[in-house]
Amino acid sequence: MSFLLEPDAYTLLKGYDIPVPDFKLIKREEEINGVTKEMNFPIVMKIVSPDIIHKTDAGGVKVGIKTEKEARIAYQEIIFEAKKYNKEAQIYGVITYPMIQDGIETIIGIGKDPEFGKFIMFGLGGIYVEVFKDVSFRLVPLNIQEVKEMVSEIKGNVLLNRYRGKNPKNFDALVDIIFKCSKFAYENKRLNSMDLNPVIVGENDAVVVDARIELKEK
């Protein structure tokens, strides 16, 4: 089995019309000025290495970066921490993209049961999935109605609706992503597992902002 690097995972998801950030890969510090000029601050920066799967544990994630100077400092710190975490790690660079500042974090996962085959999981993302374990499961593939039922049956779906004065989130955009993930999982025979966490659901859209995809070797 092999895990895709985050830029490659995003590219694969884009092939199924699954929305991902407008990302750039910075391979050298000298590239930061040109990249940040193309983006709206604040931005996110994350290490890209096949030897560092859990980026946060390695100090390889920086968020809320507001200026080019902060981006340079963040780049230096990310590379330094990554090398300290694993001095043998291959480092391909740092991925960056505009930070999404408002929305509900959800999670979409793909797994494989030895008896029943591939399944899809949905729930609230971030720490919520670990604390509340409020998730739903279905075998793939799903139709749109099955996806809607899947989303609606978790207790936390109230957060997607108009809640305590906050505007409702884009339910249809979330349903569309889950439907396309189901199609992707069903059609891609090499896909072993996938963890999209978080998928941020806002008032206007929903976007995957972290992707971990595991493929079978050819």
Protein backbone atom coordinates (compact mmCIF):
# COMPACT_ATOMS: atom_id res chain seq x y z
CA MET A 1 0.00 0.00 0.00
CA SER A 2 1.11 3.59 -0.57
CA PHE A 3 -0.22 6.98 0.53
CA LEU A 4 -0.53 9.78 -2.00
CA LEU A 5 1.14 13.08 -1.26
CA GLU A 6 -1.42 15.79 -0.53
CA PRO A 7 -0.98 17.61 -3.89
CA ASP A 8 -1.43 14.30 -5.73
CA ALA A 9 -4.49 13.45 -3.64
CA TYR A 10 -6.07 16.80 -4.50
CA THR A 11 -5.32 16.28 -8.19
CA LEU A 12 -6.97 12.85 -8.10
CA LEU A 13 -10.05 14.25 -6.35
CA LYS A 14 -10.30 17.07 -8.89
CA GLY A 15 -10.57 14.40 -11.57
CA TYR A 16 -13.89 13.42 -9.99
CA ASP A 17 -14.97 17.07 -9.73
CA ILE A 18 -14.60 17.00 -5.95
CA PRO A 19 -13.81 20.56 -4.78
CA VAL A 20 -10.36 21.07 -3.26
CA PRO A 21 -8.34 24.21 -2.42
CA ASP A 22 -6.57 26.22 -5.10
CA PHE A 23 -3.20 24.99 -3.88
CA LYS A 24 0.43 25.66 -4.76
CA LEU A 25 3.51 23.59 -3.95
CA ILE A 26 6.49 25.61 -2.72
CA LYS A 27 9.74 23.72 -3.25
CA ARG A 28 12.15 26.50 -2.27
CA GLU A 29 11.86 29.48 0.03
CA GLU A 30 12.63 31.79 -2.90
CA GLU A 31 9.29 30.83 -4.46
CA ILE A 32 7.21 32.20 -1.58
CA ASN A 33 6.91 35.77 -2.84
CA GLY A 34 5.54 34.69 -6.24
CA VAL A 35 3.13 32.18 -4.73
CA THR A 36 1.71 34.42 -2.01
CA LYS A 37 1.07 37.23 -4.50
CA GLU A 38 -1.40 34.92 -6.24
CA MET A 39 -3.32 34.13 -3.05
CA ASN A 40 -5.57 35.92 -0.62
CA PHE A 41 -4.37 35.93 2.97
CA PRO A 42 -4.69 34.30 5.43
CA ILE A 43 -3.17 31.09 4.10
CA VAL A 44 -2.37 27.58 5.31
CA MET A 45 1.04 25.91 4.89
CA LYS A 46 1.74 22.18 5.33
CA ILE A 47 4.72 19.87 4.88
CA VAL A 48 4.73 17.53 1.88
CA SER A 49 6.68 14.34 2.58
CA PRO A 50 5.99 10.64 1.92
CA ASP A 51 7.66 9.89 5.26
CA ILE A 52 5.46 12.20 7.35
CA ILE A 53 1.84 11.07 7.32
CA HIS A 54 0.70 12.80 10.50
CA LYS A 55 1.76 16.34 9.63
CA THR A 56 0.49 18.02 12.79
CA ASP A 57 2.49 15.68 15.03
CA ALA A 58 5.62 16.72 13.15
CA GLY A 59 4.96 20.45 13.53
CA GLY A 60 4.31 20.51 9.81
CA VAL A 61 1.12 22.60 9.74
CA LYS A 62 0.80 26.39 10.06
CA VAL A 63 -2.50 28.25 9.74
CA GLY A 64 -3.65 31.87 9.80
CA ILE A 65 -0.59 33.20 7.99
CA LYS A 66 -1.31 36.84 7.07
CA THR A 67 1.79 38.24 5.33
CA GLU A 68 4.67 37.21 3.09
CA LYS A 69 7.05 37.66 6.03
CA GLU A 70 4.96 35.30 8.15
CA ALA A 71 4.92 32.84 5.24
CA ARG A 72 8.73 32.83 5.07
CA ILE A 73 9.00 32.23 8.80
CA ALA A 74 6.37 29.49 8.63
CA TYR A 75 8.20 27.79 5.77
CA GLN A 76 11.48 27.79 7.70
CA GLU A 77 9.81 26.45 10.84
CA ILE A 78 7.94 23.71 8.97
CA ILE A 79 11.10 22.44 7.26
CA PHE A 80 13.09 22.62 10.51
CA GLU A 81 10.45 20.75 12.53
CA ALA A 82 10.02 18.11 9.82
CA LYS A 83 13.74 17.36 9.76
CA LYS A 84 13.81 17.22 13.56
CA TYR A 85 10.83 14.84 13.54
CA ASN A 86 12.41 12.53 10.98
CA LYS A 87 15.93 13.37 9.84
CA GLU A 88 15.69 10.74 7.09
CA ALA A 89 12.42 12.06 5.66
CA GLN A 90 12.22 13.01 2.00
CA ILE A 91 10.83 16.53 1.84
CA TYR A 92 9.21 17.59 -1.43
CA GLY A 93 8.19 21.04 -0.27
CA VAL A 94 5.36 22.88 1.44
CA ILE A 95 1.79 23.03 0.12
CA THR A 96 -0.11 26.26 0.61
CA TYR A 97 -3.64 27.47 -0.07
CA PRO A 98 -6.07 30.15 1.15
CA MET A 99 -7.52 29.44 4.58
CA ILE A 100 -11.26 28.83 4.81
CA GLN A 101 -12.34 30.77 7.86
CA ASP A 102 -16.00 29.92 8.25
CA GLY A 103 -17.92 26.68 8.08
CA ILE A 104 -18.66 23.37 9.79
CA GLU A 105 -15.95 20.70 9.76
CA THR A 106 -17.13 17.30 8.56
CA ILE A 107 -15.38 14.06 7.68
CA ILE A 108 -15.82 11.64 4.79
CA GLY A 109 -14.03 8.31 4.92
CA ILE A 110 -13.69 5.27 2.68
CA GLY A 111 -12.80 1.84 4.02
CA LYS A 112 -13.01 -1.78 2.97
CA ASP A 113 -14.75 -4.62 4.76
CA PRO A 114 -13.37 -8.09 3.87
CA GLU A 115 -16.88 -9.52 3.56
CA PHE A 116 -19.03 -6.68 2.21
CA GLY A 117 -16.53 -4.57 0.27
CA LYS A 118 -16.05 -0.80 0.26
CA PHE A 119 -18.06 1.45 2.51
CA ILE A 120 -18.32 5.20 3.06
CA MET A 121 -18.48 6.99 6.40
CA PHE A 122 -19.75 10.50 7.20
CA GLY A 123 -19.75 12.55 10.38
CA LEU A 124 -18.71 15.81 11.95
CA GLY A 125 -14.99 16.39 11.45
CA GLY A 126 -12.07 17.68 13.46
CA ILE A 127 -12.19 16.70 17.13
CA TYR A 128 -15.92 15.97 16.94
CA VAL A 129 -15.47 12.62 15.24
CA GLU A 130 -13.07 11.48 17.97
CA VAL A 131 -15.10 12.79 20.90
CA PHE A 132 -18.69 12.10 19.86
CA LYS A 133 -18.23 9.31 17.29
CA ASP A 134 -21.44 10.56 15.67
CA VAL A 135 -21.08 8.93 12.25
CA SER A 136 -23.11 7.02 9.67
CA PHE A 137 -22.07 4.26 7.25
CA ARG A 138 -23.22 2.93 3.88
CA LEU A 139 -21.89 0.47 1.32
CA VAL A 140 -20.93 2.07 -2.00
CA PRO A 141 -22.14 3.10 -4.48
CA LEU A 142 -24.89 5.42 -3.25
CA ASN A 143 -27.58 7.40 -5.02
CA ILE A 144 -28.41 10.99 -4.06
CA GLN A 145 -31.35 10.03 -1.84
CA GLU A 146 -29.21 7.55 0.10
CA VAL A 147 -26.57 10.24 0.63
CA LYS A 148 -29.18 12.68 1.98
CA GLU A 149 -30.41 10.03 4.43
CA MET A 150 -26.85 9.33 5.50
CA VAL A 151 -26.21 13.00 6.32
CA SER A 152 -29.54 13.50 8.04
CA GLU A 153 -29.26 10.55 10.40
CA ILE A 154 -26.28 11.84 12.43
CA LYS A 155 -27.25 13.84 15.50
CA GLY A 156 -24.87 16.65 14.59
CA ASN A 157 -26.70 17.44 11.35
CA VAL A 158 -28.51 20.19 13.30
CA LEU A 159 -25.31 22.24 12.96
CA LEU A 160 -25.76 22.24 9.18
CA ASN A 161 -29.17 23.86 9.50
CA ARG A 162 -30.13 27.28 10.81
CA TYR A 163 -28.84 27.06 14.37
CA ARG A 164 -28.75 29.72 17.11
CA GLY A 165 -28.98 32.58 14.67
CA LYS A 166 -26.39 31.22 12.23
CA ASN A 167 -27.28 30.79 8.58
CA PRO A 168 -27.74 27.22 7.27
CA LYS A 169 -24.82 25.53 5.52
CA ASN A 170 -24.88 24.32 1.93
CA PHE A 171 -26.46 20.89 2.38
CA ASP A 172 -26.60 20.20 -1.36
CA ALA A 173 -22.87 20.92 -1.82
CA LEU A 174 -22.03 18.44 0.93
CA VAL A 175 -24.34 15.81 -0.52
CA ASP A 176 -22.70 16.28 -3.92
CA ILE A 177 -19.22 15.66 -2.47
CA ILE A 178 -20.32 12.50 -0.65
CA PHE A 179 -22.04 11.23 -3.80
CA LYS A 180 -18.89 11.82 -5.89
CA CYS A 181 -16.70 10.18 -3.22
CA SER A 182 -18.96 7.14 -3.35
CA LYS A 183 -18.61 7.01 -7.14
CA PHE A 184 -14.84 7.46 -6.86
CA ALA A 185 -14.55 4.63 -4.33
CA TYR A 186 -16.70 2.29 -6.41
CA GLU A 187 -14.89 2.92 -9.69
CA ASN A 188 -11.29 3.09 -8.46
CA LYS A 189 -10.19 -0.48 -7.85
CA ARG A 190 -6.80 0.59 -6.45
CA LEU A 191 -8.33 2.73 -3.71
CA ASN A 192 -7.85 1.01 -0.36
CA SER A 193 -8.83 3.80 2.03
CA MET A 194 -9.51 7.53 2.09
CA ASP A 195 -9.82 10.08 4.87
CA LEU A 196 -11.09 13.56 4.00
CA ASN A 197 -10.92 15.48 7.26
CA PRO A 198 -11.97 18.15 7.36
CA VAL A 199 -14.42 18.84 4.60
CA ILE A 200 -15.53 22.37 5.46
CA VAL A 201 -19.18 23.11 4.70
CA GLY A 202 -20.00 26.81 4.41
CA GLU A 203 -23.07 28.77 3.43
CA ASN A 204 -22.13 28.78 -0.26
CA ASP A 205 -20.04 25.68 -0.85
CA ALA A 206 -18.15 22.73 0.63
CA VAL A 207 -14.42 22.09 0.17
CA VAL A 208 -12.02 19.27 1.06
CA VAL A 209 -9.07 20.83 2.92
CA ASP A 210 -7.14 17.72 3.93
CA ALA A 211 -6.93 14.41 2.12
CA ARG A 212 -5.26 11.13 2.98
CA ILE A 213 -5.61 8.54 0.22
CA GLU A 214 -4.14 5.05 0.33
CA LEU A 215 -3.77 3.05 -2.90
CA LYS A 216 -2.87 -0.54 -3.57
CA GLU A 217 0.44 -0.98 -5.34
CA LYS A 218 0.11 -1.68 -9.04
